Protein backbone atom coordinates (compact mmCIF):
# COMPACT_ATOMS: atom_id res chain seq x y z
CA MET A 1 51.14 -15.92 1.70
CA SER A 2 51.18 -13.84 4.85
CA GLU A 3 52.77 -14.93 8.12
CA VAL A 4 50.89 -15.76 11.26
CA SER A 5 52.43 -14.56 14.38
CA LEU A 6 51.32 -16.15 17.76
CA ASN A 7 51.83 -13.83 20.50
CA LEU A 8 51.25 -16.03 23.72
CA MET A 9 51.80 -13.10 25.95
CA LEU A 10 54.72 -14.49 27.48
CA PRO A 11 57.25 -12.00 28.98
CA ARG A 12 60.37 -11.43 26.71
CA VAL A 13 63.47 -12.80 28.18
CA PRO A 14 65.61 -9.79 29.44
CA ASP A 15 68.69 -8.62 27.35
CA PHE A 16 70.98 -9.40 30.16
CA ALA A 17 69.75 -12.98 30.41
CA ASP A 18 72.64 -15.45 30.41
CA ASP A 19 72.87 -19.30 30.31
CA LYS A 20 71.51 -19.59 33.77
CA HIS A 21 68.41 -17.47 33.05
CA LEU A 22 67.71 -19.67 29.92
CA ILE A 23 68.23 -23.04 31.88
CA LEU A 24 65.81 -21.78 34.43
CA LEU A 25 63.31 -20.69 31.92
CA ASN A 26 63.65 -24.04 30.06
CA THR A 27 63.05 -25.75 33.30
CA LEU A 28 59.88 -23.74 33.94
CA PHE A 29 58.48 -25.01 30.61
CA GLN A 30 58.99 -28.41 31.80
CA SER A 31 57.71 -27.95 35.51
CA GLN A 32 55.79 -24.68 36.02
CA VAL A 33 56.39 -24.78 39.81
CA THR A 34 59.85 -24.12 41.29
CA THR A 35 61.56 -23.32 44.54
CA ILE A 36 64.84 -21.52 45.07
CA ASP A 37 66.58 -24.97 45.99
CA ASN A 38 65.20 -26.42 42.83
CA ALA A 39 66.51 -23.48 40.80
CA ALA A 40 69.81 -23.80 42.45
CA LYS A 41 70.10 -27.48 41.59
CA LYS A 42 68.89 -27.06 38.00
CA CYS A 43 71.23 -24.17 37.24
CA SER A 44 74.10 -25.62 39.14
CA GLN A 45 74.38 -22.44 41.36
CA SER A 46 74.57 -21.49 44.98
CA TYR A 47 71.36 -20.78 46.98
CA LYS A 48 72.30 -17.02 46.97
CA ALA A 49 72.84 -16.98 43.19
CA ALA A 50 69.58 -18.84 42.42
CA ASN A 51 67.69 -16.56 44.81
CA ASP A 52 69.03 -13.60 42.86
CA LEU A 53 68.04 -15.37 39.64
CA VAL A 54 64.55 -16.03 40.62
CA GLY A 55 64.33 -12.39 42.02
CA ILE A 56 65.14 -11.04 38.58
CA MET A 57 62.59 -13.39 37.06
CA GLN A 58 60.11 -12.23 39.63
CA GLU A 59 60.70 -8.53 38.75
CA GLN A 60 60.26 -9.42 35.05
CA GLN A 61 56.81 -11.13 36.05
CA ILE A 62 58.25 -14.43 34.72
CA VAL A 63 57.60 -16.19 37.95
CA LYS A 64 55.24 -15.27 40.68
CA GLU A 65 55.79 -16.21 44.31
CA MET A 66 52.57 -17.98 45.81
CA THR A 67 53.22 -18.53 49.46
CA GLY A 68 53.53 -15.07 50.77
CA GLN A 69 56.36 -16.38 53.08
CA SER A 70 59.88 -15.32 53.35
CA ARG A 71 61.21 -18.96 53.68
CA ASN A 72 60.22 -22.08 51.62
CA ARG A 73 58.80 -19.88 48.84
CA ILE A 74 57.27 -21.51 45.90
CA PHE A 75 57.13 -19.85 42.45
CA ILE A 76 55.04 -20.52 39.39
CA PHE A 77 55.56 -19.66 35.72
CA LYS A 78 52.39 -17.56 35.70
CA PRO A 79 52.43 -16.29 32.25
CA TYR A 80 52.41 -19.82 30.84
CA LEU A 81 49.79 -21.08 33.26
CA ASP A 82 47.50 -18.21 32.17
CA ILE A 83 47.53 -19.33 28.82
CA PHE A 84 45.48 -22.45 29.86
CA GLY A 85 43.16 -20.58 32.10
CA ASP A 86 41.76 -21.38 35.44
């Protein structure tokens, strides 16, 4: 039998990903919207560390910032939501 591979077009987790990246990624599968405060709580990190973590995930196009603001930003798990369309 041939194997069927489902490519869901989700970005690959970077090689440098550590436990905190994976915790946040798992959290995004549960709730596709997050803030820096929420990421800090879920990952047991400071606001600065969570901001850096989300920034890395934003560079990797795993999350997308939706407000266009510099404060109280909201991030979505865009690749996952794109699977389900508009």
